[in-house]
Protein backbone atom coordinates (compact mmCIF):
# COMPACT_ATOMS: atom_id res chain seq x y z
CA MET A 1 0.00 0.03 0.06
CA THR A 2 1.34 3.33 -1.01
CA ALA A 3 1.40 6.63 0.95
CA ILE A 4 -1.71 8.79 0.92
CA ASP A 5 -1.98 11.33 -1.84
CA GLU A 6 -3.98 14.51 -1.45
CA VAL A 7 -5.68 14.08 -4.81
CA ILE A 8 -5.50 11.36 -7.46
CA VAL A 9 -6.67 12.36 -10.96
CA VAL A 10 -7.76 9.45 -13.19
CA GLY A 11 -7.18 10.23 -16.76
CA ALA A 12 -4.36 12.11 -18.62
CA GLY A 13 -6.40 13.84 -21.31
CA PRO A 14 -6.80 17.62 -21.47
CA THR A 15 -9.15 17.76 -18.51
CA GLY A 16 -7.09 15.71 -16.17
CA LEU A 17 -3.82 17.44 -17.07
CA ALA A 18 -5.38 20.84 -16.69
CA LEU A 19 -6.72 19.78 -13.22
CA ALA A 20 -3.42 18.38 -12.12
CA GLY A 21 -1.69 21.60 -13.01
CA GLU A 22 -4.28 23.63 -11.10
CA LEU A 23 -3.83 21.45 -7.99
CA ALA A 24 -0.04 21.63 -8.15
CA LEU A 25 -0.17 25.44 -8.52
CA GLY A 26 -2.34 25.47 -5.33
CA GLY A 27 0.33 23.55 -3.48
CA VAL A 28 -1.50 20.22 -3.51
CA HIS A 29 0.34 16.84 -3.96
CA CYS A 30 -1.36 14.92 -6.70
CA ARG A 31 -0.81 12.15 -9.19
CA VAL A 32 -2.34 11.30 -12.55
CA LEU A 33 -3.17 7.72 -13.31
CA GLU A 34 -3.74 6.86 -17.05
CA ARG A 35 -4.92 3.59 -18.35
CA ARG A 36 -3.19 3.91 -21.79
CA ARG A 37 0.41 2.94 -21.80
CA GLU A 38 1.34 5.11 -24.65
CA GLU A 39 0.23 8.61 -25.68
CA PRO A 40 -2.37 8.37 -28.35
CA ASN A 41 -1.42 9.27 -31.93
CA ILE A 42 -4.96 10.25 -32.90
CA THR A 43 -7.08 13.13 -31.86
CA ARG A 44 -10.83 13.68 -31.68
CA ALA A 45 -10.98 17.25 -30.45
CA PHE A 46 -9.52 20.09 -32.40
CA ALA A 47 -11.23 23.39 -31.53
CA VAL A 48 -10.13 25.79 -28.74
CA HIS A 49 -12.55 28.65 -28.13
CA ALA A 50 -11.96 32.16 -26.90
CA ARG A 51 -12.83 31.59 -23.25
CA THR A 52 -10.65 28.53 -23.03
CA LEU A 53 -7.80 30.57 -24.53
CA GLU A 54 -8.48 33.33 -21.82
CA LEU A 55 -8.24 30.70 -19.07
CA LEU A 56 -5.07 29.38 -20.49
CA ASP A 57 -3.78 32.97 -20.63
CA ALA A 58 -4.53 33.16 -16.96
CA ARG A 59 -1.90 30.42 -16.56
CA GLY A 60 0.62 31.68 -19.08
CA LEU A 61 -0.17 28.93 -21.63
CA ALA A 62 -2.15 30.61 -24.33
CA ASP A 63 0.83 31.87 -26.36
CA ASP A 64 2.45 28.42 -26.36
CA LEU A 65 -0.77 27.04 -27.84
CA LEU A 66 -1.37 29.80 -30.39
CA ILE A 67 1.81 28.92 -32.27
CA ARG A 68 0.62 25.30 -32.64
CA GLY A 69 -2.61 26.01 -34.27
CA VAL A 70 -4.53 27.73 -37.06
CA GLN A 71 -6.59 30.89 -36.18
CA ILE A 72 -10.10 30.99 -37.59
CA HIS A 73 -11.99 34.34 -37.51
CA GLU A 74 -15.19 33.32 -39.33
CA VAL A 75 -17.30 30.24 -38.71
CA GLN A 76 -20.41 28.98 -40.29
CA GLY A 77 -22.61 28.78 -37.22
CA VAL A 78 -25.64 27.98 -39.31
CA PRO A 79 -25.48 26.63 -42.93
CA GLY A 80 -25.35 29.70 -45.16
CA VAL A 81 -24.62 32.18 -42.29
CA MET A 82 -21.14 33.17 -41.40
CA LEU A 83 -20.35 34.38 -37.87
CA ASP A 84 -17.62 37.02 -37.46
CA LEU A 85 -15.55 35.92 -34.47
CA SER A 86 -13.47 39.11 -34.58
CA GLN A 87 -16.50 40.74 -32.92
CA LEU A 88 -15.84 38.93 -29.72
CA PRO A 89 -14.90 41.23 -26.85
CA SER A 90 -11.85 39.19 -26.05
CA ARG A 91 -8.15 39.18 -26.26
CA TYR A 92 -8.63 36.04 -28.40
CA PRO A 93 -11.41 36.85 -30.91
CA MET A 94 -11.04 33.61 -32.86
CA LEU A 95 -11.43 29.88 -32.96
CA LEU A 96 -8.04 28.17 -32.71
CA ILE A 97 -7.80 24.93 -34.73
CA ALA A 98 -5.28 22.72 -32.88
CA PRO A 99 -5.33 18.94 -32.60
CA GLN A 100 -6.04 17.68 -29.14
CA SER A 101 -2.33 16.60 -28.80
CA ALA A 102 -1.31 20.31 -28.81
CA PRO A 103 -3.21 21.43 -25.70
CA GLU A 104 -2.35 18.11 -24.06
CA SER A 105 1.37 18.78 -24.76
CA VAL A 106 1.15 22.29 -23.26
CA LEU A 107 -0.86 21.20 -20.20
CA ARG A 108 1.30 18.07 -19.56
CA ALA A 109 4.52 20.12 -19.65
CA ARG A 110 3.05 22.63 -17.23
CA ALA A 111 1.91 19.85 -14.82
CA GLU A 112 5.35 18.17 -14.96
CA ARG A 113 7.07 21.44 -14.32
CA LEU A 114 5.02 21.86 -11.18
CA GLY A 115 6.00 18.43 -9.98
CA VAL A 116 3.04 16.30 -11.00
CA LYS A 117 3.83 12.63 -11.58
CA ILE A 118 1.92 10.94 -14.51
CA GLU A 119 1.69 7.19 -14.34
CA ARG A 120 0.70 5.25 -17.45
CA GLY A 121 -0.59 1.79 -17.84
CA VAL A 122 -2.48 1.95 -14.56
CA GLU A 123 -6.22 0.91 -14.65
CA VAL A 124 -8.71 1.57 -11.84
CA VAL A 125 -10.68 -1.59 -11.05
CA GLY A 126 -12.19 -0.75 -7.60
CA LEU A 127 -13.06 2.20 -5.46
CA GLU A 128 -14.17 2.60 -1.87
CA GLN A 129 -14.57 5.77 0.13
CA ASP A 130 -15.44 6.77 3.69
CA THR A 131 -15.58 10.06 5.56
CA ASP A 132 -11.73 10.24 5.70
CA GLY A 133 -10.54 9.29 2.22
CA VAL A 134 -10.73 7.22 -0.93
CA ARG A 135 -9.16 3.79 -1.66
CA LEU A 136 -8.56 2.93 -5.29
CA ARG A 137 -7.79 -0.65 -6.40
CA VAL A 138 -5.65 -0.43 -9.42
CA THR A 139 -3.71 -2.81 -11.75
CA ASP A 140 -0.56 -2.31 -13.74
CA SER A 141 2.27 -4.47 -15.19
CA SER A 142 3.37 -5.36 -11.66
CA GLY A 143 -0.06 -6.53 -10.51
CA GLU A 144 -2.75 -5.16 -8.24
CA ARG A 145 -2.35 -2.61 -5.48
CA ILE A 146 -4.21 -0.09 -3.37
CA GLU A 147 -3.79 3.66 -3.83
CA ARG A 148 -5.12 6.02 -1.25
CA ALA A 149 -6.13 9.64 -1.50
CA ASP A 150 -8.03 12.41 0.28
CA TYR A 151 -9.98 13.06 -2.99
CA VAL A 152 -10.25 11.43 -6.33
CA VAL A 153 -11.39 13.07 -9.64
CA GLY A 154 -12.50 10.95 -12.50
CA CYS A 155 -11.35 12.56 -15.84
CA ASP A 156 -11.36 9.21 -17.55
CA GLY A 157 -13.65 9.86 -20.50
CA ALA A 158 -17.18 8.97 -21.71
CA HIS A 159 -16.81 5.36 -20.56
CA SER A 160 -15.54 6.42 -17.15
CA ARG A 161 -14.71 3.60 -14.82
CA VAL A 162 -14.73 6.02 -11.87
CA ARG A 163 -18.28 7.14 -12.71
CA GLU A 164 -19.37 3.54 -12.88
CA LEU A 165 -17.75 2.63 -9.53
CA ILE A 166 -19.43 5.46 -7.69
CA GLY A 167 -22.81 4.55 -9.17
CA VAL A 168 -23.58 7.79 -10.91
CA GLY A 169 -26.04 7.56 -13.79
CA PHE A 170 -25.11 8.84 -17.20
CA VAL A 171 -28.39 10.06 -18.57
CA GLY A 172 -29.14 10.66 -22.20
CA SER A 173 -29.24 8.91 -25.55
CA GLN A 174 -27.16 8.03 -28.61
CA TYR A 175 -27.60 9.84 -31.89
CA GLN A 176 -28.72 7.62 -34.81
CA THR A 177 -26.54 9.35 -37.34
CA HIS A 178 -23.11 7.85 -38.15
CA ILE A 179 -20.27 10.28 -38.99
CA MET A 180 -16.96 9.46 -40.69
CA LEU A 181 -13.84 11.06 -39.31
CA ALA A 182 -10.44 10.92 -41.11
CA ASP A 183 -7.05 12.57 -40.94
CA THR A 184 -5.46 12.84 -44.33
CA GLN A 185 -3.46 15.03 -46.68
CA LEU A 186 -5.02 16.89 -49.59
CA SER A 187 -3.26 17.61 -53.00
CA GLU A 188 -6.05 20.18 -53.83
CA PRO A 189 -6.92 21.70 -50.45
CA PRO A 190 -9.81 24.19 -50.21
CA THR A 191 -8.99 27.85 -50.40
CA GLU A 192 -11.19 28.61 -47.39
CA THR A 193 -9.49 28.04 -44.09
CA LEU A 194 -12.48 26.24 -42.63
CA PHE A 195 -14.29 24.44 -45.47
CA GLY A 196 -17.92 23.31 -45.22
CA ARG A 197 -20.53 22.04 -47.63
CA THR A 198 -24.04 20.64 -47.30
CA SER A 199 -26.25 19.06 -49.98
CA ARG A 200 -29.04 16.48 -50.24
CA GLU A 201 -26.34 13.90 -49.99
CA GLY A 202 -24.97 15.02 -46.57
CA LEU A 203 -22.40 17.33 -45.01
CA VAL A 204 -18.67 17.79 -45.35
CA VAL A 205 -16.39 19.84 -43.03
CA VAL A 206 -12.57 20.14 -43.61
CA VAL A 207 -10.45 21.40 -40.79
CA PRO A 208 -6.73 22.28 -41.24
CA PHE A 209 -4.29 21.28 -38.56
CA GLY A 210 -1.68 23.60 -40.03
CA ASP A 211 0.97 21.01 -40.59
CA GLY A 212 -0.12 19.66 -44.00
CA TRP A 213 -2.83 17.41 -42.42
CA PHE A 214 -6.58 17.89 -42.47
CA ARG A 215 -9.44 16.48 -40.43
CA ILE A 216 -12.25 15.40 -42.67
CA ILE A 217 -15.74 15.19 -41.10
CA ILE A 218 -18.33 13.60 -43.36
CA TRP A 219 -22.09 12.78 -42.85
CA ASP A 220 -23.06 10.62 -45.88
CA ARG A 221 -26.77 9.93 -46.03
CA ARG A 222 -26.07 6.88 -48.26
CA ARG A 223 -23.69 5.36 -45.74
CA GLU A 224 -24.96 6.22 -42.42
CA GLU A 225 -26.35 2.67 -41.85
CA VAL A 226 -23.08 1.03 -42.44
CA PRO A 227 -21.98 -1.04 -39.36
CA ILE A 228 -19.94 1.08 -36.99
CA ASP A 229 -17.05 -1.29 -37.05
CA GLU A 230 -16.62 -1.54 -40.83
CA PRO A 231 -13.27 0.03 -41.79
CA VAL A 232 -13.47 3.48 -43.57
CA THR A 233 -11.52 3.41 -46.88
CA GLY A 234 -10.02 6.19 -48.94
CA ILE A 235 -12.31 5.11 -51.87
CA GLU A 236 -15.41 5.65 -49.60
CA LEU A 237 -14.19 9.05 -48.42
CA ARG A 238 -13.36 10.24 -51.95
CA ASP A 239 -16.81 9.08 -53.23
CA ALA A 240 -18.62 10.90 -50.44
CA LEU A 241 -16.56 14.13 -50.91
CA GLN A 242 -17.29 14.12 -54.63
CA ARG A 243 -21.06 13.59 -54.18
CA ILE A 244 -21.51 16.09 -51.28
CA ALA A 245 -18.98 18.77 -52.02
CA GLY A 246 -18.39 18.35 -55.77
CA THR A 247 -14.71 17.58 -55.36
CA ASP A 248 -12.60 14.96 -53.64
CA LEU A 249 -9.89 17.62 -52.84
CA GLY A 250 -7.15 15.37 -53.95
CA LEU A 251 -7.61 13.18 -50.85
CA SER A 252 -4.92 10.62 -50.18
CA ASP A 253 -5.42 7.52 -48.18
CA PRO A 254 -5.91 8.61 -44.52
CA ARG A 255 -3.41 7.90 -41.76
CA TRP A 256 -6.40 7.38 -39.50
CA ALA A 257 -10.13 6.96 -40.06
CA THR A 258 -13.19 5.81 -38.13
CA ARG A 259 -16.96 5.83 -37.95
CA PHE A 260 -18.27 7.77 -35.08
CA VAL A 261 -21.59 7.82 -33.26
CA SER A 262 -21.84 10.65 -30.83
CA GLU A 263 -23.94 10.64 -27.67
CA ARG A 264 -25.89 13.18 -25.71
CA ARG A 265 -25.35 12.27 -22.06
CA GLN A 266 -24.70 13.98 -18.73
CA ALA A 267 -23.78 12.57 -15.30
CA GLU A 268 -26.60 12.95 -12.89
CA ARG A 269 -24.17 14.23 -10.32
CA TYR A 270 -20.66 15.68 -10.60
CA ARG A 271 -19.77 14.75 -7.02
CA MET A 272 -20.24 11.76 -4.68
CA GLY A 273 -18.57 12.43 -1.34
CA ARG A 274 -14.88 12.59 -1.93
CA VAL A 275 -15.03 11.69 -5.68
CA PHE A 276 -15.61 14.20 -8.41
CA LEU A 277 -16.22 13.87 -12.19
CA ALA A 278 -15.00 16.22 -14.87
CA GLY A 279 -14.69 16.37 -18.68
CA ASP A 280 -16.19 13.60 -20.74
CA ALA A 281 -16.76 11.54 -17.59
CA ALA A 282 -19.34 14.15 -16.74
CA HIS A 283 -20.84 15.09 -20.13
CA VAL A 284 -20.63 14.04 -23.76
CA HIS A 285 -22.36 15.58 -26.68
CA SER A 286 -22.43 16.04 -30.46
CA PRO A 287 -18.95 17.23 -31.86
CA LEU A 288 -20.74 20.09 -33.71
CA GLY A 289 -19.66 23.28 -32.09
CA GLY A 290 -16.34 21.95 -30.92
CA GLN A 291 -17.27 22.17 -27.22
CA GLY A 292 -16.01 19.01 -25.61
CA MET A 293 -12.42 19.65 -24.80
CA ASN A 294 -13.25 23.30 -23.94
CA THR A 295 -15.93 22.40 -21.42
CA GLY A 296 -13.60 19.84 -19.82
CA ILE A 297 -10.75 22.33 -19.41
CA GLN A 298 -13.21 24.82 -17.89
CA ASP A 299 -14.38 22.10 -15.48
CA ALA A 300 -10.78 21.60 -14.36
CA MET A 301 -10.25 25.35 -13.89
CA ASN A 302 -13.34 25.60 -11.69
CA LEU A 303 -12.60 22.60 -9.51
CA GLY A 304 -8.80 22.83 -9.11
CA TRP A 305 -8.46 26.07 -7.10
CA LYS A 306 -11.47 24.96 -4.87
CA LEU A 307 -9.89 21.62 -3.94
CA ALA A 308 -6.52 23.31 -3.34
CA ALA A 309 -8.09 25.92 -1.10
CA VAL A 310 -9.84 23.32 1.01
CA LEU A 311 -6.86 21.14 1.33
CA ARG A 312 -4.50 23.99 2.22
CA GLY A 313 -6.94 25.23 4.84
CA ARG A 314 -7.82 28.46 3.03
CA ALA A 315 -11.48 27.71 2.62
CA SER A 316 -14.42 25.79 4.24
CA ILE A 317 -15.18 22.31 2.81
CA ASP A 318 -18.55 23.81 1.85
CA LEU A 319 -16.76 25.51 -1.04
CA LEU A 320 -16.61 22.12 -2.81
CA ASP A 321 -20.37 22.04 -3.15
CA SER A 322 -20.13 24.94 -5.60
CA TYR A 323 -18.37 22.93 -8.16
CA GLU A 324 -21.48 20.88 -9.18
CA ALA A 325 -23.77 23.86 -8.50
CA GLU A 326 -21.79 25.89 -11.06
CA ARG A 327 -20.67 23.35 -13.62
CA HIS A 328 -23.65 20.96 -13.91
CA PRO A 329 -25.91 23.68 -15.35
CA VAL A 330 -23.16 24.64 -17.79
CA GLY A 331 -22.90 21.04 -18.98
CA ALA A 332 -26.63 21.03 -19.56
CA GLN A 333 -26.47 24.27 -21.51
CA VAL A 334 -23.72 22.90 -23.78
CA LEU A 335 -25.70 19.69 -24.30
CA ALA A 336 -28.74 21.74 -25.35
CA MET A 337 -26.65 23.93 -27.70
CA THR A 338 -24.85 21.09 -29.42
CA ASP A 339 -28.11 19.10 -29.67
CA ALA A 340 -29.62 22.09 -31.50
CA PHE A 341 -26.65 22.29 -33.88
CA ASN A 342 -27.06 18.54 -34.50
CA ARG A 343 -30.78 18.87 -35.37
CA LEU A 344 -29.98 21.90 -37.59
CA VAL A 345 -27.41 20.10 -39.65
CA LEU A 346 -27.86 16.31 -39.33
CA SER A 347 -31.58 15.85 -39.14
CA ARG A 348 -32.94 12.82 -41.10
CA SER A 349 -35.82 14.96 -42.30
CA GLN A 350 -34.61 17.27 -45.18
CA ALA A 351 -37.76 19.36 -45.02
CA ALA A 352 -37.48 19.93 -41.23
CA THR A 353 -33.78 20.79 -41.63
CA GLN A 354 -34.45 23.33 -44.36
CA ILE A 355 -37.23 25.03 -42.28
CA ARG A 356 -34.93 25.18 -39.19
CA GLN A 357 -32.08 26.59 -41.19
CA ILE A 358 -34.25 29.34 -42.85
CA VAL A 359 -35.58 30.38 -39.37
CA MET A 360 -32.07 30.44 -37.92
CA ARG A 361 -30.65 32.54 -40.81
CA LEU A 362 -33.39 35.14 -40.28
CA MET A 363 -32.79 35.16 -36.47
CA VAL A 364 -28.92 35.38 -36.71
CA ARG A 365 -29.31 38.58 -38.81
CA LEU A 366 -30.55 40.32 -35.68
CA GLY A 367 -27.57 41.76 -33.74
CA PRO A 368 -28.63 40.72 -30.21
CA ILE A 369 -29.24 37.12 -31.28
CA ARG A 370 -26.06 37.00 -33.30
CA ARG A 371 -24.04 38.36 -30.29
CA ARG A 372 -25.76 35.85 -27.97
CA LEU A 373 -24.81 32.97 -30.25
CA LEU A 374 -21.19 34.09 -30.44
CA GLY A 375 -21.09 34.46 -26.63
CA ARG A 376 -22.61 30.97 -26.11
CA LEU A 377 -20.32 29.34 -28.75
CA SER A 378 -17.17 30.85 -27.40
CA ALA A 379 -18.27 30.60 -23.65
CA ILE A 380 -17.37 34.14 -22.94
CA ASP A 381 -21.02 34.83 -21.88
CA LEU A 382 -21.04 31.98 -19.47
CA ARG A 383 -21.97 33.14 -15.97
CA TYR A 384 -22.33 31.26 -12.60
CA PRO A 385 -25.31 31.79 -10.33
CA ARG A 386 -25.37 34.73 -7.96
CA GLN A 387 -27.39 35.38 -4.84
CA THR A 388 -30.18 37.87 -4.48
CA GLY A 389 -28.65 41.29 -3.84
CA ASP A 390 -25.28 40.47 -5.37
CA HIS A 391 -23.73 42.99 -7.66
CA PRO A 392 -24.60 42.31 -11.36
CA LEU A 393 -20.95 41.43 -12.11
CA VAL A 394 -20.95 38.49 -9.64
CA GLY A 395 -20.63 35.18 -11.53
CA LYS A 396 -19.48 36.75 -14.74
CA ARG A 397 -16.10 36.44 -16.48
CA ALA A 398 -13.72 39.15 -15.27
CA LEU A 399 -12.75 41.45 -18.10
CA ASP A 400 -9.03 41.89 -18.59
CA PHE A 401 -7.50 45.27 -17.99
CA THR A 402 -4.01 46.60 -17.45
CA SER A 403 -3.02 48.09 -14.01
CA SER A 404 0.30 49.37 -12.91
CA ALA A 405 1.14 45.89 -11.71
CA GLY A 406 0.29 44.30 -15.12
CA ARG A 407 -2.67 42.73 -16.93
CA LEU A 408 -5.31 41.11 -14.76
CA TYR A 409 -4.94 37.64 -16.50
CA GLU A 410 -1.19 37.83 -15.98
CA LEU A 411 -1.75 38.54 -12.33
CA LEU A 412 -4.03 35.46 -12.12
CA ARG A 413 -1.04 33.21 -13.08
CA THR A 414 -0.09 32.87 -9.39
CA GLY A 415 -3.40 31.04 -8.78
CA ARG A 416 -4.56 33.73 -6.20
CA PHE A 417 -7.53 35.89 -5.82
CA VAL A 418 -7.18 39.44 -7.22
CA LEU A 419 -8.93 42.33 -5.41
CA VAL A 420 -9.41 45.14 -7.92
CA VAL A 421 -9.74 48.58 -6.10
CA GLY A 422 -11.73 51.18 -8.12
CA PRO A 423 -11.09 54.90 -8.21
CA GLN A 424 -13.83 55.60 -5.44
CA ALA A 425 -12.23 53.23 -2.90
CA PRO A 426 -9.94 54.51 -0.13
CA GLU A 427 -6.90 52.58 -1.14
CA ASP A 428 -5.02 52.70 2.13
CA GLU A 429 -8.06 51.53 4.19
CA VAL A 430 -8.59 48.63 1.74
CA LEU A 431 -4.91 47.56 1.98
CA ALA A 432 -5.09 47.65 5.76
CA THR A 433 -8.27 45.53 5.68
CA VAL A 434 -6.78 42.91 3.40
CA VAL A 435 -3.58 42.35 5.40
CA PRO A 436 -4.73 39.10 7.03
CA TRP A 437 -5.41 37.62 3.60
CA SER A 438 -2.36 39.14 1.77
CA ASN A 439 -0.71 35.78 0.99
CA TRP A 440 -3.93 34.60 -0.70
CA VAL A 441 -5.25 37.81 -2.17
CA MET A 442 -3.38 40.25 -4.46
CA THR A 443 -4.58 43.87 -4.52
CA VAL A 444 -4.39 46.09 -7.67
CA ARG A 445 -5.96 49.32 -8.71
CA ASP A 446 -8.15 50.02 -11.64
CA ASP A 447 -8.56 53.72 -12.38
CA SER A 448 -11.22 53.31 -15.02
CA PRO A 449 -14.02 55.73 -14.29
CA HIS A 450 -16.73 53.06 -14.45
CA ALA A 451 -14.93 50.39 -12.34
CA PRO A 452 -16.88 49.18 -9.30
CA THR A 453 -15.50 50.33 -5.91
CA LEU A 454 -14.26 46.79 -5.24
CA THR A 455 -14.18 43.61 -7.33
CA LEU A 456 -12.90 40.31 -6.04
CA VAL A 457 -11.77 38.01 -8.87
CA ARG A 458 -11.51 34.29 -8.29
CA PRO A 459 -8.41 32.28 -9.43
CA ASP A 460 -10.40 30.97 -12.39
CA GLY A 461 -11.10 34.50 -13.73
CA TYR A 462 -14.76 34.87 -12.56
CA VAL A 463 -16.05 37.60 -10.29
CA ALA A 464 -16.60 36.27 -6.75
CA TRP A 465 -17.91 39.55 -5.21
CA ALA A 466 -18.22 43.18 -6.16
CA ALA A 467 -19.51 46.22 -4.41
CA GLU A 468 -20.34 49.90 -5.04
CA GLY A 469 -19.46 52.05 -2.03
CA TRP A 470 -16.98 51.33 0.77
CA THR A 471 -17.27 49.64 4.12
CA ALA A 472 -14.65 47.44 5.67
CA ASP A 473 -17.28 45.19 7.17
CA ARG A 474 -18.63 44.20 3.70
CA LEU A 475 -15.12 43.50 2.34
CA VAL A 476 -14.20 41.38 5.40
CA ALA A 477 -17.35 39.34 5.06
CA ALA A 478 -16.60 38.69 1.38
CA LEU A 479 -13.03 37.72 2.09
CA ARG A 480 -14.13 35.39 4.87
CA ARG A 481 -16.70 33.79 2.58
CA TRP A 482 -14.30 33.14 -0.21
CA CYS A 483 -10.83 33.20 1.28
CA GLY A 484 -11.21 31.61 4.74
CA SER A 485 -10.33 33.16 8.14
CA GLY A 486 -7.38 35.17 6.86
CA ILE A 487 -4.86 33.06 8.49
CA LEU A 488 -3.12 30.66 6.15
CA ALA A 489 -3.66 27.42 8.09
CA GLU A 490 -1.69 24.16 7.78
CA PRO A 491 -3.38 21.54 5.66
CA ARG A 492 -6.07 19.91 7.73
CA PRO A 493 -8.08 16.74 7.30
CA ALA A 494 -11.67 17.38 6.42
CA THR A 495 -14.54 14.99 7.21
CA VAL A 496 -16.87 14.65 4.24
CA GLU A 497 -20.44 13.49 4.75
CA LEU A 498 -21.07 10.78 2.21
CA PRO A 499 -24.38 10.62 0.34
CA ARG A 500 -26.79 8.04 1.60
């Protein structure tokens, strides 16, 4: 039996690696256990949206990823309607096309720099938990053993073993439509950066990886009943491209190809006692919209600092309840959005599809609806619940700005809270009030005329609390709620009440 870890993360995909980095940044000892012995040489995810890039910027990783991908500034959100991503009010008004291996590489390098150990070829076969910790029964090349941790997070994909072992239902259904995916080179690549065509025969999308390879996504009405395990051939792909798009684009035989049936499912709960679920273990949906990897990384950014704060004694254990309260509704919203995309594009009824598309084209011409669609697609409009009486900014993403100390999202790279002091606040009194929390809260000034008196920004870039007008008591209450007693306690064991 090994020593007790504070957190064991199961799964070394983008979600698990992002979470491990967050935990290590917060001073938590964690390990990542991955069932696969080797890093995969294929990739399903390839889209990184604006809000994910902002969160990676808050950890100093966005620039490393940008050079590995292709920037897209227009997308066809609805067939026949282009959405201008340059209108996004973000430092990253784009969609970055980068194979999943690129963010995985960036996130893995960061986690390892912070001391995270990633163990491959380790499979979880059993799990037990009590009020004091979790026992994982695992197997590897040396046999079976028990791993112990204060907390476990299942980031082990759609077929999550962790989710199964804690008995959480995965509610939803499987789409009937089969899609073909292939990675190939093209001797006659399209002139459009992101190529898409629809016809009575189906749908084609061509995504550039920027290294001479392309991801081909094909829905072929003639071939959607083919058995899922039948190999995809170059001949089949070229025939489908020719019929649907009018050209085979000079497609060569693919290095990888598969038939794919997507699902629309969500875990009933994201937490059972000391075990959490994140990423595809918590939600899977249609690949249309490119939301999967993004939602998983955002899960990790939400959960990581909270677990670290509890384990380091900086916050009450009640903070952990907010993970499911905040992220489960987001997962449901993403499922609803991607399901709508799926019905718009891949419906078996051509008449219904055409009617939906005409209606959507008319709606998207309206500025407010277009901006809302852009905000939902990019996740920059995502907001977490706020209580009655809270400032309107609470729960929203914090807008970047430059202070004398640097950009806000650069300051967040320490993994701490940032208290933004507006021009109406008495700066000396604020600084004196924050002293007991000074190792956990950084204070900066924003002289913008419309800045609130005080804004407390969470480590994951969302507004925890804001106020107009100054009283020390209100600030102290907010700091105690979010940042603990103000004395950085030693790590302390926490008793978790298990669900009955």
